[in-house]
Amino acid sequence: MRKIHEVLRLHFEHGRSKREIARIINVSPSTVSDYVARAKLAGLSSPLPPECDDAALERLLFPPCEPSSVQRPAPAWPTVHNELRRKGVTLELLWQEYKAEQPDGYQYSAFCEHYRRWRQQLTTSMRQTHTPGERLFIDYAGQTVGVTDGGTGEIRNAQVFVAVLGASNYTYIEATWSQQLPDWIGSHVRALAFFGGCTELWVPDNLRSGVTKASRYEPDVNPTYHDLAEHYGVAVLPARARRPKDKAKVENGVLVVTRWVLARLRHQRFFSLNDLNRSLRTLLTDLNQRPFKKLPGSRASAFAEMDQPALRALPEQHYEYAEWKVARVGVDYHVEVDGHYYSVPCQHARTQVDVRMTRSTVEVFQRGQRIASHAQCAFKGRHTTVAAHMPPAHREVAGWNAQTLTARAEAVGPRCAVLVERLLVQRQHPQQAFRSCLGVLSLGQKYGIGRLEAACARALKHSAVSWKSVQAILKNNLDLQQQDAQRTLDLPEHENLRGAAYYQSSQIH
């Protein structure tokens, strides 16, 4: 009103042009023209009479419109409100359909104004418009329900999971023991089975099971939760921290569940989680079928009409629960998972990898590519090693054992086999003789198998059972090729020689 007073003063008292007045008070010339025209129409001139205060001046310049005596048919505003939730439906389209049925009805501007006035009578959560099948809002109720242990009498509080569809407010609830990752993921899977389909977006709260690190711009979604979303082809859009209006649907759903479901269970005692969930399912059916107060139908009818046809089909393959962790491969090309060690290809030693753990398998990923897969093993402190993951030298060492060494010695000859067996039984632990046996066998590559067999026979004759003795015999080149090992030793056949070796073993121990 201050600017209107200034326009009238400058125009009537000082005779300024309308463009000058517009530049002085920083308004458009058309606005100045409108104020002057209204003042002349009301019979005002300068100076204004003393009794003309701001309220009186406003009544003179902007008199209220007289209500029309024509009664126009009003649309069914709840139906208009529900139709606007459908994809592609606009107020202009609904007005055209309304005018086709009621030619004497409101014009478009009046139609929009009356709808806005009607919508203001609804609650804040109801005013939000959501596309059917687009969003699922997820949270936990703040109130818990006590479950009594029948044996000890201990009361354990169960958490209540709540999921609400955006367009229809169709609600799902269930009780779990915790808000930890396994319960969080399992509740999602059961909720989608209850709805019979999947939305395009999930809007969860920022609890740690869903969001590893909350952020206004780039929140870090928990890897397992991200894995679940990828399985169902869903995008996760976490609500902003301390912004409950981002998930107002589920906030209102939690309030309704608390008042209409949990409050009714306050006098009941439950002795198992299954008993509690059976009661919740019964009350949930009543909640979804309870009529709306200001809109036609119920959550169930709105779901059947809007959300259910728009939901995407669930995958044929069931989701397999898996947990993820970031780990670093050790210098021994093994990664530790729950106290057990699993091998990866040796070229990935000392690198950082992602580990995916299911109930039966452990998978290791490097930059999104799977580099190893193992069966789950519960023994802590032990190793699961794939031979292909080992370097060639390590594979050779890994094959060392008494049976393998004996078999390789038998391929050289019976005397070499006896000497290797005696080397193994001379030590308190056979592993201590592995290197000596390998040293003896390696001499065959340098001197030949025939000379090695003869050298082993001479070493047995003189009880010089060691790698150094056999090497010395071969190195001194004692014309072993001309000797008959069986005749010079005068020993029993191969079986008896083995018996003698084991007899000496028993004497040693």
Protein backbone atom coordinates (compact mmCIF):
# COMPACT_ATOMS: atom_id res chain seq x y z
CA MET A 1 0.00 0.00 0.00
CA ARG A 2 2.95 2.32 0.55
CA LYS A 3 3.74 2.24 -3.16
CA ILE A 4 0.11 2.98 -4.06
CA HIS A 5 0.16 6.07 -1.84
CA GLU A 6 3.39 7.15 -3.52
CA VAL A 7 1.93 6.64 -7.02
CA LEU A 8 -1.13 8.74 -6.22
CA ARG A 9 0.97 11.50 -4.59
CA LEU A 10 3.42 11.78 -7.48
CA HIS A 11 0.64 11.68 -10.08
CA PHE A 12 -1.90 14.04 -8.55
CA GLU A 13 0.32 16.40 -6.54
CA HIS A 14 3.47 16.59 -8.66
CA GLY A 15 2.07 15.78 -12.10
CA ARG A 16 4.78 13.21 -12.90
CA SER A 17 4.34 11.01 -15.92
CA LYS A 18 3.58 7.38 -15.47
CA ARG A 19 6.98 6.27 -16.79
CA GLU A 20 8.78 8.62 -14.39
CA ILE A 21 6.74 7.29 -11.47
CA ALA A 22 7.51 3.72 -12.55
CA ARG A 23 11.27 4.42 -12.51
CA ILE A 24 11.09 6.22 -9.14
CA ILE A 25 9.25 3.46 -7.22
CA ASN A 26 10.69 0.58 -9.29
CA VAL A 27 7.49 -0.88 -10.75
CA SER A 28 6.28 -1.32 -14.31
CA PRO A 29 4.44 1.52 -16.11
CA SER A 30 1.41 -0.72 -16.58
CA THR A 31 1.15 -1.14 -12.81
CA VAL A 32 1.22 2.64 -12.36
CA SER A 33 -1.48 3.00 -15.02
CA ASP A 34 -3.62 0.39 -13.25
CA TYR A 35 -3.34 2.18 -9.87
CA VAL A 36 -4.21 5.58 -11.39
CA ALA A 37 -7.16 4.16 -13.33
CA ARG A 38 -8.56 2.49 -10.21
CA ALA A 39 -8.18 5.70 -8.22
CA LYS A 40 -10.06 7.74 -10.86
CA LEU A 41 -12.76 5.07 -11.02
CA ALA A 42 -13.17 5.30 -7.24
CA GLY A 43 -13.36 9.13 -7.41
CA LEU A 44 -10.11 9.73 -5.52
CA SER A 45 -7.89 12.77 -5.94
CA SER A 46 -4.97 14.28 -4.12
CA PRO A 47 -4.66 14.85 -1.29
CA LEU A 48 -6.41 11.75 0.04
CA PRO A 49 -8.99 12.33 2.79
CA PRO A 50 -7.67 11.72 6.36
CA GLU A 51 -10.08 8.86 6.98
CA CYS A 52 -8.66 6.96 3.98
CA ASP A 53 -6.22 4.57 5.69
CA ASP A 54 -4.63 1.55 4.07
CA ALA A 55 -7.60 -0.75 4.64
CA ALA A 56 -10.08 1.79 3.31
CA LEU A 57 -7.89 2.55 0.29
CA GLU A 58 -7.63 -1.17 -0.50
CA ARG A 59 -11.43 -1.54 -0.37
CA LEU A 60 -11.85 1.42 -2.70
CA LEU A 61 -9.24 0.36 -5.23
CA PHE A 62 -9.81 -3.40 -5.07
CA PRO A 63 -13.45 -4.00 -4.19
CA PRO A 64 -14.33 -7.65 -3.55
CA CYS A 65 -16.03 -9.45 -6.39
CA GLU A 66 -19.68 -10.13 -5.94
CA PRO A 67 -20.40 -13.84 -5.69
CA SER A 68 -22.02 -15.22 -8.78
CA SER A 69 -25.66 -16.15 -8.44
CA VAL A 70 -25.15 -19.00 -10.92
CA GLN A 71 -24.69 -22.36 -9.20
CA ARG A 72 -22.22 -24.45 -11.16
CA PRO A 73 -21.89 -28.23 -10.71
CA ALA A 74 -18.76 -29.11 -8.71
CA PRO A 75 -16.57 -32.02 -9.78
CA ALA A 76 -15.92 -34.99 -7.50
CA TRP A 77 -12.69 -33.58 -6.04
CA PRO A 78 -11.54 -36.89 -4.41
CA THR A 79 -11.77 -38.53 -7.85
CA VAL A 80 -9.83 -35.65 -9.41
CA HIS A 81 -7.19 -36.00 -6.70
CA ASN A 82 -6.79 -39.75 -7.29
CA GLU A 83 -6.67 -39.33 -11.07
CA LEU A 84 -3.85 -36.82 -10.76
CA ARG A 85 -1.68 -39.59 -9.27
CA ARG A 86 -1.74 -41.46 -12.55
CA LYS A 87 1.18 -40.97 -14.89
CA GLY A 88 0.56 -38.29 -17.53
CA VAL A 89 -2.74 -37.01 -16.06
CA THR A 90 -2.97 -33.22 -15.69
CA LEU A 91 -5.53 -30.78 -14.33
CA GLU A 92 -6.19 -29.47 -17.85
CA LEU A 93 -7.08 -32.95 -19.09
CA LEU A 94 -9.41 -33.54 -16.14
CA TRP A 95 -11.01 -30.12 -16.69
CA GLN A 96 -11.68 -30.95 -20.34
CA GLU A 97 -13.33 -34.24 -19.34
CA TYR A 98 -15.33 -32.35 -16.70
CA LYS A 99 -16.49 -29.74 -19.21
CA ALA A 100 -17.50 -32.47 -21.65
CA GLU A 101 -19.89 -33.83 -19.02
CA GLN A 102 -20.86 -30.44 -17.51
CA PRO A 103 -20.90 -27.70 -20.18
CA ASP A 104 -22.11 -25.17 -17.58
CA GLY A 105 -19.31 -26.06 -15.19
CA TYR A 106 -16.33 -24.04 -14.03
CA GLN A 107 -13.88 -22.55 -16.45
CA TYR A 108 -10.31 -23.77 -16.26
CA SER A 109 -8.98 -21.09 -13.88
CA ALA A 110 -11.91 -21.52 -11.48
CA PHE A 111 -11.58 -25.29 -11.72
CA CYS A 112 -7.90 -25.11 -10.66
CA GLU A 113 -8.62 -22.63 -7.86
CA HIS A 114 -11.42 -24.71 -6.36
CA TYR A 115 -9.25 -27.82 -6.51
CA ARG A 116 -6.40 -26.05 -4.69
CA ARG A 117 -8.81 -24.91 -1.98
CA TRP A 118 -10.16 -28.44 -1.60
CA ARG A 119 -6.65 -29.94 -1.46
CA GLN A 120 -5.67 -27.60 1.37
CA GLN A 121 -8.20 -29.37 3.57
CA LEU A 122 -6.19 -32.62 3.34
CA THR A 123 -3.29 -33.56 5.57
CA THR A 124 0.26 -32.74 4.51
CA SER A 125 1.15 -36.34 3.65
CA MET A 126 -1.97 -36.76 1.55
CA ARG A 127 -1.12 -33.68 -0.51
CA GLN A 128 1.99 -35.32 -1.89
CA THR A 129 1.54 -36.75 -5.34
CA HIS A 130 3.36 -40.00 -6.18
CA THR A 131 3.37 -41.91 -9.42
CA PRO A 132 1.92 -45.43 -9.01
CA GLY A 133 4.55 -48.13 -8.81
CA GLU A 134 7.40 -45.65 -8.53
CA ARG A 135 8.47 -45.48 -4.86
CA LEU A 136 8.55 -47.69 -1.80
CA PHE A 137 9.26 -45.93 1.51
CA ILE A 138 11.00 -47.99 4.20
CA ASP A 139 11.69 -47.47 7.91
CA TYR A 140 11.44 -49.06 11.35
CA ALA A 141 8.82 -48.10 13.90
CA GLY A 142 10.27 -46.43 16.94
CA GLN A 143 8.14 -48.56 19.26
CA THR A 144 9.21 -52.15 19.91
CA VAL A 145 7.17 -55.15 21.05
CA GLY A 146 8.30 -57.39 23.90
CA VAL A 147 8.54 -61.15 23.34
CA THR A 148 8.82 -63.34 26.44
CA ASP A 149 11.04 -66.40 26.59
CA GLY A 150 8.82 -69.20 27.91
CA GLY A 151 11.74 -70.96 29.59
CA THR A 152 13.57 -68.12 31.32
CA GLY A 153 10.91 -65.42 31.40
CA GLU A 154 13.33 -62.97 29.79
CA ILE A 155 11.69 -60.28 27.66
CA ARG A 156 13.36 -59.46 24.36
CA ASN A 157 12.25 -56.46 22.30
CA ALA A 158 11.39 -57.08 18.65
CA GLN A 159 11.78 -54.38 15.99
CA VAL A 160 8.87 -53.54 13.66
CA PHE A 161 9.72 -53.09 9.95
CA VAL A 162 7.37 -50.82 7.97
CA ALA A 163 7.17 -50.40 4.17
CA VAL A 164 4.63 -48.10 2.46
CA LEU A 165 3.88 -47.69 -1.25
CA GLY A 166 3.84 -44.06 -2.37
CA ALA A 167 0.64 -43.79 -4.42
CA SER A 168 -1.77 -46.03 -2.51
CA ASN A 169 -0.29 -45.98 1.03
CA TYR A 170 -0.56 -49.79 0.98
CA THR A 171 1.44 -50.95 4.00
CA TYR A 172 3.51 -53.96 5.00
CA ILE A 173 4.78 -54.66 8.52
CA GLU A 174 6.66 -57.48 10.21
CA ALA A 175 8.63 -58.05 13.41
CA THR A 176 12.30 -59.02 13.47
CA TRP A 177 14.79 -59.45 16.28
CA SER A 178 17.05 -56.61 15.17
CA GLN A 179 17.74 -53.95 12.58
CA GLN A 180 20.97 -55.66 11.54
CA LEU A 181 21.80 -56.45 7.94
CA PRO A 182 20.37 -60.02 7.72
CA ASP A 183 17.00 -58.93 9.18
CA TRP A 184 16.98 -55.75 7.08
CA ILE A 185 17.56 -57.65 3.83
CA GLY A 186 15.13 -60.44 4.74
CA SER A 187 12.37 -57.93 5.49
CA HIS A 188 12.81 -56.37 2.05
CA VAL A 189 12.51 -59.73 0.32
CA ARG A 190 9.36 -60.64 2.25
CA ALA A 191 7.84 -57.19 1.69
CA LEU A 192 8.25 -57.48 -2.09
CA ALA A 193 6.69 -60.94 -1.99
CA PHE A 194 3.75 -59.43 -0.04
CA PHE A 195 3.26 -56.68 -2.65
CA GLY A 196 3.68 -59.14 -5.49
CA GLY A 197 5.98 -56.84 -7.43
CA CYS A 198 8.72 -54.25 -7.22
CA THR A 199 8.82 -50.47 -7.51
CA GLU A 200 11.39 -48.41 -9.40
CA LEU A 201 12.84 -46.65 -6.32
CA TRP A 202 13.41 -47.45 -2.66
CA VAL A 203 13.52 -44.59 -0.18
CA PRO A 204 15.02 -45.93 3.09
CA ASP A 205 16.13 -44.17 6.23
CA ASN A 206 19.86 -43.71 6.87
CA LEU A 207 20.35 -46.66 9.21
CA ARG A 208 23.73 -48.37 8.92
CA SER A 209 22.30 -51.57 7.40
CA GLY A 210 21.10 -49.57 4.39
CA VAL A 211 23.50 -46.63 4.12
CA THR A 212 27.15 -47.01 5.12
CA LYS A 213 27.79 -43.27 5.06
CA ALA A 214 25.01 -40.68 4.91
CA SER A 215 25.50 -37.73 2.58
CA ARG A 216 23.25 -35.06 1.16
CA TYR A 217 24.65 -35.54 -2.35
CA GLU A 218 26.37 -38.96 -2.66
CA PRO A 219 25.41 -41.37 0.14
CA ASP A 220 27.31 -44.66 0.29
CA VAL A 221 24.85 -47.54 0.10
CA ASN A 222 25.75 -50.70 1.99
CA PRO A 223 27.27 -53.20 -0.52
CA THR A 224 24.85 -55.97 0.44
CA TYR A 225 21.89 -53.59 0.14
CA HIS A 226 23.23 -52.45 -3.23
CA ASP A 227 23.53 -56.11 -4.27
CA LEU A 228 19.88 -56.65 -3.30
CA ALA A 229 18.79 -53.59 -5.28
CA GLU A 230 20.68 -54.77 -8.36
CA HIS A 231 19.02 -58.18 -8.10
CA TYR A 232 15.58 -56.53 -8.24
CA GLY A 233 16.64 -53.80 -10.69
CA VAL A 234 15.84 -51.01 -8.22
CA ALA A 235 17.53 -47.66 -7.56
CA VAL A 236 18.10 -46.74 -3.90
CA LEU A 237 17.41 -43.10 -3.03
CA PRO A 238 18.12 -42.66 0.71
CA ALA A 239 16.33 -39.84 2.52
CA ARG A 240 18.51 -36.94 3.57
CA ALA A 241 19.72 -37.02 7.15
CA ARG A 242 17.35 -35.23 9.54
CA ARG A 243 14.86 -34.60 6.73
CA PRO A 244 11.81 -36.73 7.65
CA LYS A 245 9.69 -35.09 4.95
CA ASP A 246 11.80 -36.93 2.34
CA LYS A 247 10.06 -40.09 3.54
CA ALA A 248 6.85 -38.57 4.83
CA LYS A 249 4.83 -41.51 3.53
CA VAL A 250 6.53 -44.01 5.78
CA GLU A 251 6.67 -41.53 8.67
CA ASN A 252 2.91 -41.30 8.47
CA GLY A 253 2.75 -45.07 8.00
CA VAL A 254 4.77 -45.58 11.18
CA LEU A 255 2.37 -43.28 13.03
CA VAL A 256 -0.67 -45.19 11.73
CA VAL A 257 0.93 -48.57 12.55
CA THR A 258 1.78 -47.38 16.06
CA ARG A 259 -1.76 -46.17 16.74
CA TRP A 260 -3.84 -48.76 14.93
CA VAL A 261 -1.71 -51.89 15.24
CA LEU A 262 0.85 -51.76 18.05
CA ALA A 263 -1.47 -49.95 20.44
CA ARG A 264 -3.98 -52.79 20.12
CA LEU A 265 -1.32 -55.31 21.15
CA ARG A 266 -0.37 -53.54 24.38
CA HIS A 267 -2.29 -56.01 26.60
CA GLN A 268 -1.10 -59.16 24.81
CA ARG A 269 1.91 -61.30 25.67
CA PHE A 270 3.88 -63.08 22.99
CA PHE A 271 6.16 -66.05 23.54
CA SER A 272 7.70 -66.28 20.07
CA LEU A 273 8.39 -64.07 17.10
CA ASN A 274 6.06 -66.18 14.95
CA ASP A 275 3.14 -65.54 17.35
CA LEU A 276 3.79 -61.82 17.15
CA ASN A 277 3.94 -61.80 13.35
CA ARG A 278 0.67 -63.75 13.11
CA SER A 279 -1.05 -61.07 15.17
CA LEU A 280 0.58 -58.33 13.11
CA ARG A 281 -0.65 -59.89 9.86
CA THR A 282 -4.23 -60.00 11.13
CA LEU A 283 -4.20 -56.36 12.18
CA LEU A 284 -2.37 -55.37 8.98
CA THR A 285 -5.24 -56.73 6.90
CA ASP A 286 -7.69 -54.59 8.90
CA LEU A 287 -5.44 -51.54 8.50
CA ASN A 288 -5.17 -51.86 4.72
CA GLN A 289 -8.92 -52.38 4.37
CA ARG A 290 -9.92 -49.54 6.71
CA PRO A 291 -11.69 -46.78 4.68
CA PHE A 292 -9.97 -43.44 4.17
CA LYS A 293 -11.51 -40.51 6.01
CA LYS A 294 -11.27 -37.89 3.26
CA LEU A 295 -10.86 -40.01 0.16
CA PRO A 296 -12.96 -42.81 -1.29
CA GLY A 297 -11.85 -46.40 -0.83
CA SER A 298 -9.08 -47.85 1.30
CA ARG A 299 -5.40 -48.69 1.05
CA ALA A 300 -6.25 -52.10 -0.37
CA SER A 301 -8.59 -50.72 -3.05
CA ALA A 302 -6.14 -47.94 -3.95
CA PHE A 303 -3.38 -50.53 -4.24
CA ALA A 304 -5.46 -52.72 -6.55
CA GLU A 305 -6.38 -49.72 -8.68
CA MET A 306 -3.09 -47.81 -8.88
CA ASP A 307 0.07 -49.46 -7.54
CA GLN A 308 -0.50 -53.12 -8.29
CA PRO A 309 -0.87 -52.74 -12.09
CA ALA A 310 2.24 -50.52 -12.20
CA LEU A 311 4.58 -52.77 -10.17
CA ARG A 312 7.29 -54.64 -12.04
CA ALA A 313 7.41 -58.41 -11.90
CA LEU A 314 9.76 -60.03 -9.39
CA PRO A 315 12.82 -61.93 -10.70
CA GLU A 316 12.35 -65.65 -11.20
CA GLN A 317 15.52 -66.42 -9.25
CA HIS A 318 15.34 -65.86 -5.50
CA TYR A 319 17.83 -63.50 -3.93
CA GLU A 320 20.69 -65.23 -2.12
CA TYR A 321 21.79 -63.30 0.94
CA ALA A 322 25.43 -62.25 0.76
CA GLU A 323 27.63 -60.01 2.86
CA TRP A 324 30.51 -57.96 1.49
CA LYS A 325 33.76 -56.87 3.05
CA VAL A 326 36.90 -55.12 1.89
CA ALA A 327 40.07 -57.08 2.57
CA ARG A 328 43.73 -57.03 1.64
CA VAL A 329 45.45 -60.11 0.21
CA GLY A 330 48.46 -61.23 2.26
CA VAL A 331 51.94 -61.91 0.98
CA ASP A 332 51.01 -65.61 0.92
CA TYR A 333 48.23 -64.78 -1.63
CA HIS A 334 45.50 -65.70 0.88
CA VAL A 335 42.69 -63.48 2.16
CA GLU A 336 41.23 -63.88 5.63
CA VAL A 337 37.44 -64.31 5.99
CA ASP A 338 36.01 -65.08 9.44
CA GLY A 339 39.29 -66.59 10.61
CA HIS A 340 39.74 -68.89 7.58
CA TYR A 341 42.20 -68.20 4.76
CA TYR A 342 41.23 -68.52 1.09
CA SER A 343 43.67 -68.36 -1.82
CA VAL A 344 43.59 -65.98 -4.78
CA PRO A 345 45.88 -65.95 -7.84
CA CYS A 346 49.39 -65.14 -6.66
CA GLN A 347 49.67 -62.04 -8.87
CA HIS A 348 47.06 -60.33 -6.63
CA ALA A 349 49.16 -60.59 -3.47
CA ARG A 350 49.15 -57.41 -1.33
CA THR A 351 46.21 -55.90 -3.29
CA GLN A 352 42.87 -54.74 -1.91
CA VAL A 353 39.89 -56.86 -2.94
CA ASP A 354 36.14 -57.13 -2.32
CA VAL A 355 34.92 -60.35 -0.72
CA ARG A 356 31.34 -61.60 -1.18
CA MET A 357 30.23 -64.19 1.37
CA THR A 358 27.09 -66.31 1.03
CA ARG A 359 25.97 -69.24 3.12
CA SER A 360 27.87 -71.71 0.91
CA THR A 361 30.49 -69.76 -1.05
CA VAL A 362 33.20 -67.12 -0.73
CA GLU A 363 33.93 -65.03 -3.82
CA VAL A 364 36.80 -62.58 -4.26
CA PHE A 365 36.51 -59.63 -6.67
CA GLN A 366 39.18 -57.29 -7.99
CA ARG A 367 37.74 -54.13 -9.60
CA GLY A 368 34.43 -55.85 -10.24
CA GLN A 369 35.98 -58.99 -11.76
CA ARG A 370 35.76 -62.27 -9.87
CA ILE A 371 39.24 -63.70 -9.39
CA ALA A 372 38.54 -66.58 -6.98
CA SER A 373 35.66 -68.65 -5.66
CA HIS A 374 35.70 -71.16 -2.80
CA ALA A 375 33.28 -73.28 -0.84
CA GLN A 376 32.58 -71.81 2.58
CA CYS A 377 34.70 -73.40 5.34
CA ALA A 378 33.98 -72.90 9.04
CA PHE A 379 37.36 -74.06 10.41
CA LYS A 380 39.26 -71.07 11.76
CA GLY A 381 43.01 -70.78 11.33
CA ARG A 382 43.12 -73.16 8.36
CA HIS A 383 43.77 -72.57 4.67
CA THR A 384 41.85 -73.38 1.51
CA THR A 385 44.31 -73.26 -1.38
CA VAL A 386 43.76 -73.87 -5.09
CA ALA A 387 46.89 -75.22 -6.76
CA ALA A 388 46.32 -73.03 -9.82
CA HIS A 389 46.64 -69.94 -7.61
CA MET A 390 50.18 -70.86 -6.51
CA PRO A 391 53.42 -69.90 -8.25
CA PRO A 392 55.13 -72.83 -10.04
CA ALA A 393 57.81 -73.13 -7.36
CA HIS A 394 55.20 -73.20 -4.60
CA ARG A 395 53.19 -75.84 -6.43
CA GLU A 396 56.29 -77.99 -6.47
CA VAL A 397 56.81 -77.54 -2.76
CA ALA A 398 53.14 -78.10 -2.01
CA GLY A 399 53.38 -81.53 -3.61
CA TRP A 400 55.98 -82.75 -1.11
CA ASN A 401 54.82 -85.68 1.02
CA ALA A 402 56.15 -89.11 1.91
CA GLN A 403 53.97 -90.97 -0.60
CA THR A 404 54.89 -88.68 -3.48
CA LEU A 405 58.60 -88.86 -2.75
CA THR A 406 58.51 -92.64 -2.43
CA ALA A 407 56.65 -92.97 -5.72
CA ARG A 408 59.20 -90.79 -7.49
CA ALA A 409 62.04 -92.87 -6.01
CA GLU A 410 60.42 -96.12 -7.19
CA ALA A 411 60.43 -94.74 -10.69
CA VAL A 412 64.25 -94.52 -10.42
CA GLY A 413 64.71 -98.00 -9.00
CA PRO A 414 64.20 -100.23 -5.95
CA ARG A 415 67.49 -99.22 -4.23
CA CYS A 416 66.63 -95.53 -4.60
CA ALA A 417 63.19 -96.25 -3.11
CA VAL A 418 64.78 -98.01 -0.11
CA LEU A 419 67.22 -95.15 0.44
CA VAL A 420 64.41 -92.56 0.35
CA GLU A 421 62.35 -94.60 2.82
CA ARG A 422 65.31 -94.82 5.16
CA LEU A 423 65.81 -91.06 4.91
CA LEU A 424 62.19 -90.52 5.90
CA VAL A 425 62.29 -92.82 8.93
CA GLN A 426 65.57 -91.44 10.24
CA ARG A 427 63.93 -88.16 11.30
CA GLN A 428 61.45 -87.62 14.09
CA HIS A 429 59.16 -85.90 11.59
CA PRO A 430 59.20 -87.06 7.94
CA GLN A 431 58.86 -83.44 6.79
CA GLN A 432 62.39 -82.83 8.05
CA ALA A 433 63.76 -85.25 5.42
CA PHE A 434 61.82 -83.86 2.45
CA ARG A 435 64.67 -81.67 1.25
CA SER A 436 67.21 -84.52 1.50
CA CYS A 437 64.96 -86.80 -0.53
CA LEU A 438 64.44 -84.14 -3.18
CA GLY A 439 68.19 -83.61 -3.28
CA VAL A 440 68.77 -87.32 -3.94
CA LEU A 441 66.12 -87.42 -6.68
CA SER A 442 67.51 -84.30 -8.33
CA LEU A 443 70.86 -86.09 -8.84
CA GLY A 444 69.20 -88.22 -11.49
CA GLN A 445 68.84 -85.19 -13.74
CA LYS A 446 72.58 -84.53 -13.62
CA TYR A 447 74.08 -88.04 -13.60
CA GLY A 448 71.29 -90.16 -15.06
CA ILE A 449 68.83 -92.58 -13.49
CA GLY A 450 71.04 -95.64 -13.95
CA ARG A 451 74.03 -94.13 -12.14
CA LEU A 452 71.75 -92.77 -9.37
CA GLU A 453 70.30 -96.26 -8.76
CA ALA A 454 73.82 -97.73 -8.55
CA ALA A 455 74.99 -94.97 -6.23
CA CYS A 456 72.01 -95.62 -3.93
CA ALA A 457 72.96 -99.31 -3.84
CA ARG A 458 76.58 -98.52 -2.80
CA ALA A 459 75.33 -96.02 -0.18
CA LEU A 460 73.03 -98.67 1.31
CA LYS A 461 75.90 -101.19 1.39
CA HIS A 462 78.02 -98.85 3.49
CA SER A 463 75.04 -97.52 5.53
CA ALA A 464 75.79 -94.04 4.19
CA VAL A 465 72.15 -92.99 3.91
CA SER A 466 72.31 -89.28 3.11
CA TRP A 467 72.22 -86.92 0.19
CA LYS A 468 75.87 -85.96 0.68
CA SER A 469 76.99 -89.60 0.51
CA VAL A 470 75.10 -90.30 -2.71
CA GLN A 471 76.40 -87.08 -4.23
CA ALA A 472 79.99 -87.97 -3.24
CA ILE A 473 79.71 -91.42 -4.80
CA LEU A 474 78.48 -89.95 -8.06
CA LYS A 475 80.98 -87.13 -7.99
CA ASN A 476 83.95 -89.50 -7.48
CA ASN A 477 82.83 -91.48 -10.56
CA LEU A 478 83.45 -94.93 -9.07
CA ASP A 479 82.60 -96.92 -12.22
CA LEU A 480 79.17 -97.72 -10.86
CA GLN A 481 77.77 -98.60 -14.25
CA GLN A 482 79.81 -101.86 -14.30
CA GLN A 483 78.53 -103.15 -10.99
CA ASP A 484 75.57 -105.30 -10.40
CA ALA A 485 73.82 -103.69 -7.47
CA GLN A 486 71.91 -106.84 -6.51
CA ARG A 487 75.04 -109.07 -6.46
CA THR A 488 77.43 -106.75 -4.64
CA LEU A 489 75.02 -105.83 -1.90
CA ASP A 490 73.90 -109.40 -1.37
CA LEU A 491 70.64 -108.09 -0.02
CA PRO A 492 67.14 -109.60 -0.18
CA GLU A 493 64.70 -108.80 -2.90
CA HIS A 494 63.00 -105.37 -3.12
CA GLU A 495 60.25 -106.37 -0.73
CA ASN A 496 62.73 -107.59 1.85
CA LEU A 497 64.75 -104.40 1.49
CA ARG A 498 61.65 -102.41 2.35
CA GLY A 499 61.02 -104.68 5.29
CA ALA A 500 64.55 -104.01 6.53
CA ALA A 501 63.99 -100.27 6.21
CA TYR A 502 60.84 -100.41 8.29
CA TYR A 503 62.55 -102.69 10.79
CA GLN A 504 65.30 -100.11 11.25
CA SER A 505 62.58 -97.48 11.61
CA SER A 506 61.04 -99.39 14.48
CA GLN A 507 64.46 -99.73 16.13
CA ILE A 508 65.08 -95.97 15.83
CA HIS A 509 61.74 -94.99 17.35
